[in-house]
Amino acid sequence: FAYDYQTVERSLTAAYPLLTPDYRAEFQKSANTQIIPEAKKREVVVQANVVGAGVMSAQRDSASVMVYMNRTVTDKTRQPLYDGSRLRVDFKKVGKQWLIAYITPI
């Protein structure tokens, strides 16, 4: 996720409706105890750009996608850190919506 330390709560809150209820609870806990405090303390700005994605598996009510992402992370030192990331994103169909059930860094 991309965020700016000045608006990190708003950015992460906007993502919550995209998550399954179980994963939302876990993600909110991590956001409130780690991501938000650390972002504010270090004045972190994260920019993310998805450069590719591919379906790993797909069933009627679930799917997994590999996401390739480039990130630029800057903090109060103003030295940008460039990072290429791979994420496995698991989706689950809840009602008529496809929601993120889990994100695993690869």
PDB file of N, CA and C in Angstrom:
ATOM      1  N   PHE A   1       0.835  -1.180   0.000  1.00  0.00           N
ATOM      2  CA  PHE A   1       0.000   0.000   0.000  1.00  0.00           C
ATOM      3  C   PHE A   1       0.877   1.239   0.000  1.00  0.00           C
ATOM      4  N   ALA A   2       0.445   2.253  -0.683  1.00  0.00           N
ATOM      5  CA  ALA A   2       1.139   3.535  -0.683  1.00  0.00           C
ATOM      6  C   ALA A   2       0.511   4.415   0.388  1.00  0.00           C
ATOM      7  N   TYR A   3       1.346   5.196   1.044  1.00  0.00           N
ATOM      8  CA  TYR A   3       0.829   6.122   2.049  1.00  0.00           C
ATOM      9  C   TYR A   3       1.852   7.197   2.351  1.00  0.00           C
ATOM     10  N   ASP A   4       1.368   8.261   2.964  1.00  0.00           N
ATOM     11  CA  ASP A   4       2.177   9.379   3.434  1.00  0.00           C
ATOM     12  C   ASP A   4       1.944   9.473   4.937  1.00  0.00           C
ATOM     13  N   TYR A   5       2.993   9.682   5.698  1.00  0.00           N
ATOM     14  CA  TYR A   5       2.855   9.710   7.163  1.00  0.00           C
ATOM     15  C   TYR A   5       1.825  10.728   7.641  1.00  0.00           C
ATOM     16  N   GLN A   6       1.591  11.772   6.855  1.00  0.00           N
ATOM     17  CA  GLN A   6       0.638  12.810   7.261  1.00  0.00           C
ATOM     18  C   GLN A   6      -0.814  12.356   7.110  1.00  0.00           C
ATOM     19  N   THR A   7      -1.042  11.372   6.244  1.00  0.00           N
ATOM     20  CA  THR A   7      -2.408  10.900   5.979  1.00  0.00           C
ATOM     21  C   THR A   7      -2.510   9.374   6.050  1.00  0.00           C
ATOM     22  N   VAL A   8      -1.594   8.735   6.765  1.00  0.00           N
ATOM     23  CA  VAL A   8      -1.521   7.275   6.768  1.00  0.00           C
ATOM     24  C   VAL A   8      -2.809   6.626   7.268  1.00  0.00           C
ATOM     25  N   GLU A   9      -3.446   7.190   8.287  1.00  0.00           N
ATOM     26  CA  GLU A   9      -4.689   6.593   8.786  1.00  0.00           C
ATOM     27  C   GLU A   9      -5.761   6.573   7.705  1.00  0.00           C
ATOM     28  N   ARG A  10      -5.908   7.686   7.004  1.00  0.00           N
ATOM     29  CA  ARG A  10      -6.922   7.780   5.948  1.00  0.00           C
ATOM     30  C   ARG A  10      -6.615   6.797   4.816  1.00  0.00           C
ATOM     31  N   SER A  11      -5.345   6.695   4.430  1.00  0.00           N
ATOM     32  CA  SER A  11      -4.958   5.790   3.344  1.00  0.00           C
ATOM     33  C   SER A  11      -5.250   4.339   3.694  1.00  0.00           C
ATOM     34  N   LEU A  12      -4.880   3.929   4.899  1.00  0.00           N
ATOM     35  CA  LEU A  12      -5.099   2.541   5.289  1.00  0.00           C
ATOM     36  C   LEU A  12      -6.575   2.250   5.525  1.00  0.00           C
ATOM     37  N   THR A  13      -7.302   3.190   6.104  1.00  0.00           N
ATOM     38  CA  THR A  13      -8.738   3.015   6.328  1.00  0.00           C
ATOM     39  C   THR A  13      -9.471   2.814   5.002  1.00  0.00           C
ATOM     40  N   ALA A  14      -9.015   3.482   3.954  1.00  0.00           N
ATOM     41  CA  ALA A  14      -9.642   3.338   2.636  1.00  0.00           C
ATOM     42  C   ALA A  14      -9.484   1.919   2.096  1.00  0.00           C
ATOM     43  N   ALA A  15      -8.455   1.208   2.544  1.00  0.00           N
ATOM     44  CA  ALA A  15      -8.224  -0.162   2.071  1.00  0.00           C
ATOM     45  C   ALA A  15      -9.057  -1.194   2.823  1.00  0.00           C
ATOM     46  N   TYR A  16      -9.517  -0.893   4.019  1.00  0.00           N
ATOM     47  CA  TYR A  16     -10.221  -1.878   4.848  1.00  0.00           C
ATOM     48  C   TYR A  16     -11.419  -2.536   4.161  1.00  0.00           C
ATOM     49  N   PRO A  17     -12.262  -1.802   3.424  1.00  0.00           N
ATOM     50  CA  PRO A  17     -13.409  -2.454   2.771  1.00  0.00           C
ATOM     51  C   PRO A  17     -13.009  -3.476   1.701  1.00  0.00           C
ATOM     52  N   LEU A  18     -11.753  -3.475   1.278  1.00  0.00           N
ATOM     53  CA  LEU A  18     -11.283  -4.413   0.260  1.00  0.00           C
ATOM     54  C   LEU A  18     -10.832  -5.742   0.860  1.00  0.00           C
ATOM     55  N   LEU A  19     -10.832  -5.834   2.201  1.00  0.00           N
ATOM     56  CA  LEU A  19     -10.311  -7.000   2.903  1.00  0.00           C
ATOM     57  C   LEU A  19     -11.447  -7.845   3.486  1.00  0.00           C
ATOM     58  N   THR A  20     -11.221  -9.162   3.554  1.00  0.00           N
ATOM     59  CA  THR A  20     -12.201 -10.023   4.226  1.00  0.00           C
ATOM     60  C   THR A  20     -12.263  -9.627   5.700  1.00  0.00           C
ATOM     61  N   PRO A  21     -13.367  -9.920   6.377  1.00  0.00           N
ATOM     62  CA  PRO A  21     -13.459  -9.543   7.796  1.00  0.00           C
ATOM     63  C   PRO A  21     -12.307 -10.079   8.653  1.00  0.00           C
ATOM     64  N   ASP A  22     -11.915 -11.339   8.455  1.00  0.00           N
ATOM     65  CA  ASP A  22     -10.818 -11.904   9.249  1.00  0.00           C
ATOM     66  C   ASP A  22      -9.501 -11.181   8.982  1.00  0.00           C
ATOM     67  N   TYR A  23      -9.187 -10.976   7.705  1.00  0.00           N
ATOM     68  CA  TYR A  23      -7.923 -10.314   7.375  1.00  0.00           C
ATOM     69  C   TYR A  23      -7.966  -8.838   7.773  1.00  0.00           C
ATOM     70  N   ARG A  24      -9.121  -8.222   7.678  1.00  0.00           N
ATOM     71  CA  ARG A  24      -9.268  -6.819   8.079  1.00  0.00           C
ATOM     72  C   ARG A  24      -8.885  -6.644   9.548  1.00  0.00           C
ATOM     73  N   ALA A  25      -9.353  -7.537  10.405  1.00  0.00           N
ATOM     74  CA  ALA A  25      -9.033  -7.448  11.838  1.00  0.00           C
ATOM     75  C   ALA A  25      -7.528  -7.564  12.059  1.00  0.00           C
ATOM     76  N   GLU A  26      -6.891  -8.508  11.381  1.00  0.00           N
ATOM     77  CA  GLU A  26      -5.439  -8.685  11.509  1.00  0.00           C
ATOM     78  C   GLU A  26      -4.688  -7.470  10.964  1.00  0.00           C
ATOM     79  N   PHE A  27      -5.120  -6.979   9.806  1.00  0.00           N
ATOM     80  CA  PHE A  27      -4.454  -5.839   9.177  1.00  0.00           C
ATOM     81  C   PHE A  27      -4.614  -4.575  10.025  1.00  0.00           C
ATOM     82  N   GLN A  28      -5.806  -4.357  10.566  1.00  0.00           N
ATOM     83  CA  GLN A  28      -6.038  -3.181  11.414  1.00  0.00           C
ATOM     84  C   GLN A  28      -5.137  -3.211  12.642  1.00  0.00           C
ATOM     85  N   LYS A  29      -4.989  -4.380  13.239  1.00  0.00           N
ATOM     86  CA  LYS A  29      -4.122  -4.505  14.410  1.00  0.00           C
ATOM     87  C   LYS A  29      -2.687  -4.146  14.043  1.00  0.00           C
ATOM     88  N   SER A  30      -2.198  -4.673  12.935  1.00  0.00           N
ATOM     89  CA  SER A  30      -0.842  -4.366  12.475  1.00  0.00           C
ATOM     90  C   SER A  30      -0.696  -2.886  12.139  1.00  0.00           C
ATOM     91  N   ALA A  31      -1.699  -2.328  11.491  1.00  0.00           N
ATOM     92  CA  ALA A  31      -1.656  -0.902  11.135  1.00  0.00           C
ATOM     93  C   ALA A  31      -1.592  -0.034  12.383  1.00  0.00           C
ATOM     94  N   ASN A  32      -2.426  -0.341  13.368  1.00  0.00           N
ATOM     95  CA  ASN A  32      -2.503   0.490  14.573  1.00  0.00           C
ATOM     96  C   ASN A  32      -1.307   0.336  15.502  1.00  0.00           C
ATOM     97  N   THR A  33      -0.706  -0.854  15.527  1.00  0.00           N
ATOM     98  CA  THR A  33       0.404  -1.076  16.460  1.00  0.00           C
ATOM     99  C   THR A  33       1.775  -0.888  15.833  1.00  0.00           C
ATOM    100  N   GLN A  34       1.879  -1.027  14.501  1.00  0.00           N
ATOM    101  CA  GLN A  34       3.187  -0.952  13.858  1.00  0.00           C
ATOM    102  C   GLN A  34       3.267   0.097  12.752  1.00  0.00           C
ATOM    103  N   ILE A  35       2.448  -0.060  11.723  1.00  0.00           N
ATOM    104  CA  ILE A  35       2.595   0.758  10.517  1.00  0.00           C
ATOM    105  C   ILE A  35       2.389   2.239  10.808  1.00  0.00           C
ATOM    106  N   ILE A  36       1.274   2.602  11.415  1.00  0.00           N
ATOM    107  CA  ILE A  36       0.959   4.020  11.651  1.00  0.00           C
ATOM    108  C   ILE A  36       1.951   4.673  12.609  1.00  0.00           C
ATOM    109  N   PRO A  37       2.231   4.073  13.778  1.00  0.00           N
ATOM    110  CA  PRO A  37       3.207   4.716  14.672  1.00  0.00           C
ATOM    111  C   PRO A  37       4.591   4.877  14.035  1.00  0.00           C
ATOM    112  N   GLU A  38       5.049   3.852  13.317  1.00  0.00           N
ATOM    113  CA  GLU A  38       6.372   3.915  12.688  1.00  0.00           C
ATOM    114  C   GLU A  38       6.395   4.944  11.562  1.00  0.00           C
ATOM    115  N   ALA A  39       5.326   5.007  10.779  1.00  0.00           N
ATOM    116  CA  ALA A  39       5.253   5.986   9.688  1.00  0.00           C
ATOM    117  C   ALA A  39       5.337   7.405  10.229  1.00  0.00           C
ATOM    118  N   LYS A  40       4.631   7.674  11.305  1.00  0.00           N
ATOM    119  CA  LYS A  40       4.648   9.024  11.886  1.00  0.00           C
ATOM    120  C   LYS A  40       5.988   9.334  12.543  1.00  0.00           C
ATOM    121  N   LYS A  41       6.550   8.369  13.238  1.00  0.00           N
ATOM    122  CA  LYS A  41       7.828   8.569  13.921  1.00  0.00           C
ATOM    123  C   LYS A  41       8.946   8.878  12.929  1.00  0.00           C
ATOM    124  N   ARG A  42       8.989   8.114  11.830  1.00  0.00           N
ATOM    125  CA  ARG A  42      10.071   8.266  10.847  1.00  0.00           C
ATOM    126  C   ARG A  42       9.697   9.159   9.669  1.00  0.00           C
ATOM    127  N   GLU A  43       8.453   9.686   9.660  1.00  0.00           N
ATOM    128  CA  GLU A  43       7.957  10.531   8.562  1.00  0.00           C
ATOM    129  C   GLU A  43       8.089   9.808   7.216  1.00  0.00           C
ATOM    130  N   VAL A  44       7.526   8.615   7.165  1.00  0.00           N
ATOM    131  CA  VAL A  44       7.644   7.738   6.005  1.00  0.00           C
ATOM    132  C   VAL A  44       6.629   8.104   4.923  1.00  0.00           C
ATOM    133  N   VAL A  45       7.114   8.107   3.682  1.00  0.00           N
ATOM    134  CA  VAL A  45       6.265   8.240   2.503  1.00  0.00           C
ATOM    135  C   VAL A  45       6.570   7.032   1.616  1.00  0.00           C
ATOM    136  N   VAL A  46       5.539   6.263   1.291  1.00  0.00           N
ATOM    137  CA  VAL A  46       5.692   5.082   0.450  1.00  0.00           C
ATOM    138  C   VAL A  46       4.925   5.310  -0.844  1.00  0.00           C
ATOM    139  N   GLN A  47       5.636   5.172  -1.953  1.00  0.00           N
ATOM    140  CA  GLN A  47       5.001   5.216  -3.270  1.00  0.00           C
ATOM    141  C   GLN A  47       5.089   3.811  -3.845  1.00  0.00           C
ATOM    142  N   ALA A  48       4.008   3.326  -4.410  1.00  0.00           N
ATOM    143  CA  ALA A  48       3.970   1.963  -4.942  1.00  0.00           C
ATOM    144  C   ALA A  48       3.451   1.980  -6.368  1.00  0.00           C
ATOM    145  N   ASN A  49       4.073   1.157  -7.207  1.00  0.00           N
ATOM    146  CA  ASN A  49       3.679   1.060  -8.602  1.00  0.00           C
ATOM    147  C   ASN A  49       3.642  -0.419  -8.986  1.00  0.00           C
ATOM    148  N   VAL A  50       2.465  -0.919  -9.328  1.00  0.00           N
ATOM    149  CA  VAL A  50       2.340  -2.308  -9.766  1.00  0.00           C
ATOM    150  C   VAL A  50       2.850  -2.398 -11.199  1.00  0.00           C
ATOM    151  N   VAL A  51       3.839  -3.277 -11.414  1.00  0.00           N
ATOM    152  CA  VAL A  51       4.436  -3.408 -12.739  1.00  0.00           C
ATOM    153  C   VAL A  51       4.033  -4.700 -13.441  1.00  0.00           C
ATOM    154  N   GLY A  52       3.351  -5.573 -12.714  1.00  0.00           N
ATOM    155  CA  GLY A  52       2.880  -6.800 -13.332  1.00  0.00           C
ATOM    156  C   GLY A  52       2.062  -7.621 -12.359  1.00  0.00           C
ATOM    157  N   ALA A  53       1.226  -8.491 -12.911  1.00  0.00           N
ATOM    158  CA  ALA A  53       0.425  -9.389 -12.081  1.00  0.00           C
ATOM    159  C   ALA A  53       0.053 -10.601 -12.919  1.00  0.00           C
ATOM    160  N   GLY A  54      -0.058 -11.729 -12.256  1.00  0.00           N
ATOM    161  CA  GLY A  54      -0.446 -12.947 -12.947  1.00  0.00           C
ATOM    162  C   GLY A  54      -1.221 -13.867 -12.029  1.00  0.00           C
ATOM    163  N   VAL A  55      -2.205 -14.540 -12.587  1.00  0.00           N
ATOM    164  CA  VAL A  55      -3.028 -15.469 -11.813  1.00  0.00           C
ATOM    165  C   VAL A  55      -2.217 -16.731 -11.527  1.00  0.00           C
ATOM    166  N   MET A  56      -2.142 -17.094 -10.254  1.00  0.00           N
ATOM    167  CA  MET A  56      -1.453 -18.321  -9.844  1.00  0.00           C
ATOM    168  C   MET A  56      -2.427 -19.493  -9.788  1.00  0.00           C
ATOM    169  N   SER A  57      -3.623 -19.220  -9.269  1.00  0.00           N
ATOM    170  CA  SER A  57      -4.662 -20.249  -9.206  1.00  0.00           C
ATOM    171  C   SER A  57      -6.014 -19.553  -9.125  1.00  0.00           C
ATOM    172  N   ALA A  58      -7.029 -20.257  -9.581  1.00  0.00           N
ATOM    173  CA  ALA A  58      -8.379 -19.686  -9.534  1.00  0.00           C
ATOM    174  C   ALA A  58      -9.397 -20.811  -9.385  1.00  0.00           C
ATOM    175  N   GLN A  59     -10.283 -20.635  -8.428  1.00  0.00           N
ATOM    176  CA  GLN A  59     -11.395 -21.540  -8.218  1.00  0.00           C
ATOM    177  C   GLN A  59     -12.669 -20.700  -8.222  1.00  0.00           C
ATOM    178  N   ARG A  60     -13.771 -21.347  -7.992  1.00  0.00           N
ATOM    179  CA  ARG A  60     -15.058 -20.658  -8.027  1.00  0.00           C
ATOM    180  C   ARG A  60     -15.147 -19.539  -6.984  1.00  0.00           C
ATOM    181  N   ASP A  61     -14.629 -19.769  -5.765  1.00  0.00           N
ATOM    182  CA  ASP A  61     -14.765 -18.790  -4.688  1.00  0.00           C
ATOM    183  C   ASP A  61     -13.442 -18.296  -4.120  1.00  0.00           C
ATOM    184  N   SER A  62     -12.328 -18.608  -4.793  1.00  0.00           N
ATOM    185  CA  SER A  62     -11.030 -18.141  -4.310  1.00  0.00           C
ATOM    186  C   SER A  62     -10.050 -18.053  -5.473  1.00  0.00           C
ATOM    187  N   ALA A  63      -9.027 -17.248  -5.272  1.00  0.00           N
ATOM    188  CA  ALA A  63      -7.995 -17.092  -6.295  1.00  0.00           C
ATOM    189  C   ALA A  63      -6.730 -16.557  -5.638  1.00  0.00           C
ATOM    190  N   SER A  64      -5.605 -16.806  -6.297  1.00  0.00           N
ATOM    191  CA  SER A  64      -4.325 -16.263  -5.850  1.00  0.00           C
ATOM    192  C   SER A  64      -3.652 -15.592  -7.033  1.00  0.00           C
ATOM    193  N   VAL A  65      -3.091 -14.414  -6.768  1.00  0.00           N
ATOM    194  CA  VAL A  65      -2.449 -13.617  -7.810  1.00  0.00           C
ATOM    195  C   VAL A  65      -1.057 -13.228  -7.331  1.00  0.00           C
ATOM    196  N   MET A  66      -0.063 -13.343  -8.213  1.00  0.00           N
ATOM    197  CA  MET A  66       1.277 -12.847  -7.923  1.00  0.00           C
ATOM    198  C   MET A  66       1.338 -11.412  -8.432  1.00  0.00           C
ATOM    199  N   VAL A  67       1.728 -10.492  -7.567  1.00  0.00           N
ATOM    200  CA  VAL A  67       1.807  -9.074  -7.920  1.00  0.00           C
ATOM    201  C   VAL A  67       3.264  -8.638  -7.828  1.00  0.00           C
ATOM    202  N   TYR A  68       3.744  -8.016  -8.889  1.00  0.00           N
ATOM    203  CA  TYR A  68       5.098  -7.465  -8.918  1.00  0.00           C
ATOM    204  C   TYR A  68       4.975  -5.957  -8.757  1.00  0.00           C
ATOM    205  N   MET A  69       5.698  -5.425  -7.789  1.00  0.00           N
ATOM    206  CA  MET A  69       5.506  -4.024  -7.429  1.00  0.00           C
ATOM    207  C   MET A  69       6.861  -3.370  -7.182  1.00  0.00           C
ATOM    208  N   ASN A  70       7.001  -2.150  -7.638  1.00  0.00           N
ATOM    209  CA  ASN A  70       8.160  -1.329  -7.301  1.00  0.00           C
ATOM    210  C   ASN A  70       7.716  -0.305  -6.276  1.00  0.00           C
ATOM    211  N   ARG A  71       8.534  -0.150  -5.227  1.00  0.00           N
ATOM    212  CA  ARG A  71       8.213   0.816  -4.177  1.00  0.00           C
ATOM    213  C   ARG A  71       9.381   1.764  -3.985  1.00  0.00           C
ATOM    214  N   THR A  72       9.037   2.988  -3.662  1.00  0.00           N
ATOM    215  CA  THR A  72      10.022   3.969  -3.228  1.00  0.00           C
ATOM    216  C   THR A  72       9.614   4.392  -1.827  1.00  0.00           C
ATOM    217  N   VAL A  73      10.516   4.196  -0.870  1.00  0.00           N
ATOM    218  CA  VAL A  73      10.250   4.541   0.526  1.00  0.00           C
ATOM    219  C   VAL A  73      11.206   5.657   0.923  1.00  0.00           C
ATOM    220  N   THR A  74      10.634   6.758   1.390  1.00  0.00           N
ATOM    221  CA  THR A  74      11.431   7.901   1.839  1.00  0.00           C
ATOM    222  C   THR A  74      11.027   8.216   3.271  1.00  0.00           C
ATOM    223  N   ASP A  75      12.016   8.532   4.108  1.00  0.00           N
ATOM    224  CA  ASP A  75      11.702   8.949   5.475  1.00  0.00           C
ATOM    225  C   ASP A  75      12.388  10.280   5.751  1.00  0.00           C
ATOM    226  N   LYS A  76      12.449  10.668   7.025  1.00  0.00           N
ATOM    227  CA  LYS A  76      12.966  11.997   7.341  1.00  0.00           C
ATOM    228  C   LYS A  76      14.441  12.168   7.003  1.00  0.00           C
ATOM    229  N   THR A  77      15.159  11.091   6.688  1.00  0.00           N
ATOM    230  CA  THR A  77      16.544  11.231   6.222  1.00  0.00           C
ATOM    231  C   THR A  77      16.583  11.728   4.779  1.00  0.00           C
ATOM    232  N   ARG A  78      15.447  11.628   4.096  1.00  0.00           N
ATOM    233  CA  ARG A  78      15.273  12.066   2.698  1.00  0.00           C
ATOM    234  C   ARG A  78      16.116  11.261   1.704  1.00  0.00           C
ATOM    235  N   GLN A  79      16.603  10.108   2.133  1.00  0.00           N
ATOM    236  CA  GLN A  79      17.319   9.203   1.233  1.00  0.00           C
ATOM    237  C   GLN A  79      16.331   8.138   0.752  1.00  0.00           C
ATOM    238  N   PRO A  80      15.925   8.182  -0.517  1.00  0.00           N
ATOM    239  CA  PRO A  80      14.940   7.205  -0.987  1.00  0.00           C
ATOM    240  C   PRO A  80      15.524   5.791  -1.040  1.00  0.00           C
ATOM    241  N   LEU A  81      14.689   4.831  -0.697  1.00  0.00           N
ATOM    242  CA  LEU A  81      15.033   3.422  -0.790  1.00  0.00           C
ATOM    243  C   LEU A  81      14.138   2.823  -1.870  1.00  0.00           C
ATOM    244  N   TYR A  82      14.761   2.231  -2.878  1.00  0.00           N
ATOM    245  CA  TYR A  82      14.010   1.621  -3.972  1.00  0.00           C
ATOM    246  C   TYR A  82      13.937   0.123  -3.722  1.00  0.00           C
ATOM    247  N   ASP A  83      12.732  -0.432  -3.870  1.00  0.00           N
ATOM    248  CA  ASP A  83      12.506  -1.816  -3.500  1.00  0.00           C
ATOM    249  C   ASP A  83      11.589  -2.480  -4.516  1.00  0.00           C
ATOM    250  N   GLY A  84      12.033  -3.599  -5.054  1.00  0.00           N
ATOM    251  CA  GLY A  84      11.164  -4.409  -5.894  1.00  0.00           C
ATOM    252  C   GLY A  84      10.537  -5.483  -5.027  1.00  0.00           C
ATOM    253  N   SER A  85       9.236  -5.611  -5.067  1.00  0.00           N
ATOM    254  CA  SER A  85       8.541  -6.557  -4.199  1.00  0.00           C
ATOM    255  C   SER A  85       7.696  -7.517  -5.017  1.00  0.00           C
ATOM    256  N   ARG A  86       7.577  -8.724  -4.487  1.00  0.00           N
ATOM    257  CA  ARG A  86       6.637  -9.702  -5.028  1.00  0.00           C
ATOM    258  C   ARG A  86       5.676 -10.045  -3.906  1.00  0.00           C
ATOM    259  N   LEU A  87       4.412 -10.017  -4.223  1.00  0.00           N
ATOM    260  CA  LEU A  87       3.384 -10.321  -3.232  1.00  0.00           C
ATOM    261  C   LEU A  87       2.442 -11.384  -3.777  1.00  0.00           C
ATOM    262  N   ARG A  88       2.119 -12.345  -2.939  1.00  0.00           N
ATOM    263  CA  ARG A  88       1.041 -13.274  -3.273  1.00  0.00           C
ATOM    264  C   ARG A  88      -0.210 -12.700  -2.619  1.00  0.00           C
ATOM    265  N   VAL A  89      -1.208 -12.421  -3.423  1.00  0.00           N
ATOM    266  CA  VAL A  89      -2.460 -11.865  -2.915  1.00  0.00           C
ATOM    267  C   VAL A  89      -3.542 -12.928  -3.093  1.00  0.00           C
ATOM    268  N   ASP A  90      -4.081 -13.375  -1.964  1.00  0.00           N
ATOM    269  CA  ASP A  90      -5.144 -14.378  -1.979  1.00  0.00           C
ATOM    270  C   ASP A  90      -6.491 -13.674  -1.876  1.00  0.00           C
ATOM    271  N   PHE A  91      -7.398 -14.048  -2.753  1.00  0.00           N
ATOM    272  CA  PHE A  91      -8.738 -13.460  -2.790  1.00  0.00           C
ATOM    273  C   PHE A  91      -9.771 -14.507  -2.398  1.00  0.00           C
ATOM    274  N   LYS A  92     -10.859 -14.032  -1.826  1.00  0.00           N
ATOM    275  CA  LYS A  92     -11.984 -14.898  -1.472  1.00  0.00           C
ATOM    276  C   LYS A  92     -13.264 -14.186  -1.885  1.00  0.00           C
ATOM    277  N   LYS A  93     -14.170 -14.931  -2.462  1.00  0.00           N
ATOM    278  CA  LYS A  93     -15.452 -14.354  -2.843  1.00  0.00           C
ATOM    279  C   LYS A  93     -16.366 -14.356  -1.625  1.00  0.00           C
ATOM    280  N   VAL A  94     -16.805 -13.171  -1.234  1.00  0.00           N
ATOM    281  CA  VAL A  94     -17.701 -12.999  -0.093  1.00  0.00           C
ATOM    282  C   VAL A  94     -18.968 -12.354  -0.638  1.00  0.00           C
ATOM    283  N   GLY A  95     -20.052 -13.131  -0.678  1.00  0.00           N
ATOM    284  CA  GLY A  95     -21.259 -12.637  -1.338  1.00  0.00           C
ATOM    285  C   GLY A  95     -20.966 -12.489  -2.821  1.00  0.00           C
ATOM    286  N   LYS A  96     -21.118 -11.287  -3.340  1.00  0.00           N
ATOM    287  CA  LYS A  96     -20.832 -11.033  -4.753  1.00  0.00           C
ATOM    288  C   LYS A  96     -19.520 -10.284  -4.952  1.00  0.00           C
ATOM    289  N   GLN A  97     -18.776 -10.069  -3.858  1.00  0.00           N
ATOM    290  CA  GLN A  97     -17.528  -9.306  -3.934  1.00  0.00           C
ATOM    291  C   GLN A  97     -16.312 -10.205  -3.788  1.00  0.00           C
ATOM    292  N   TRP A  98     -15.255  -9.874  -4.528  1.00  0.00           N
ATOM    293  CA  TRP A  98     -13.960 -10.509  -4.354  1.00  0.00           C
ATOM    294  C   TRP A  98     -13.155  -9.627  -3.415  1.00  0.00           C
ATOM    295  N   LEU A  99     -12.775 -10.195  -2.265  1.00  0.00           N
ATOM    296  CA  LEU A  99     -12.038  -9.445  -1.255  1.00  0.00           C
ATOM    297  C   LEU A  99     -10.674 -10.086  -1.015  1.00  0.00           C
ATOM    298  N   ILE A 100      -9.739  -9.283  -0.550  1.00  0.00           N
ATOM    299  CA  ILE A 100      -8.398  -9.778  -0.242  1.00  0.00           C
ATOM    300  C   ILE A 100      -8.461 -10.561   1.065  1.00  0.00           C
ATOM    301  N   ALA A 101      -8.062 -11.837   0.995  1.00  0.00           N
ATOM    302  CA  ALA A 101      -8.085 -12.705   2.170  1.00  0.00           C
ATOM    303  C   ALA A 101      -6.736 -12.731   2.873  1.00  0.00           C
ATOM    304  N   TYR A 102      -5.657 -12.457   2.131  1.00  0.00           N
ATOM    305  CA  TYR A 102      -4.328 -12.416   2.746  1.00  0.00           C
ATOM    306  C   TYR A 102      -3.317 -11.904   1.731  1.00  0.00           C
ATOM    307  N   ILE A 103      -2.295 -11.226   2.225  1.00  0.00           N
ATOM    308  CA  ILE A 103      -1.185 -10.767   1.388  1.00  0.00           C
ATOM    309  C   ILE A 103       0.091 -11.335   1.992  1.00  0.00           C
ATOM    310  N   THR A 104       0.855 -12.046   1.171  1.00  0.00           N
ATOM    311  CA  THR A 104       2.093 -12.662   1.629  1.00  0.00           C
ATOM    312  C   THR A 104       3.261 -12.142   0.803  1.00  0.00           C
ATOM    313  N   PRO A 105       4.242 -11.483   1.421  1.00  0.00           N
ATOM    314  CA  PRO A 105       5.455 -11.111   0.681  1.00  0.00           C
ATOM    315  C   PRO A 105       6.199 -12.383   0.267  1.00  0.00           C
ATOM    316  N   ILE A 106       6.683 -12.405  -0.950  1.00  0.00           N
ATOM    317  CA  ILE A 106       7.425 -13.568  -1.463  1.00  0.00           C
ATOM    318  C   ILE A 106       8.906 -13.211  -1.553  1.00  0.00           C
TER     319      ILE A 106
END
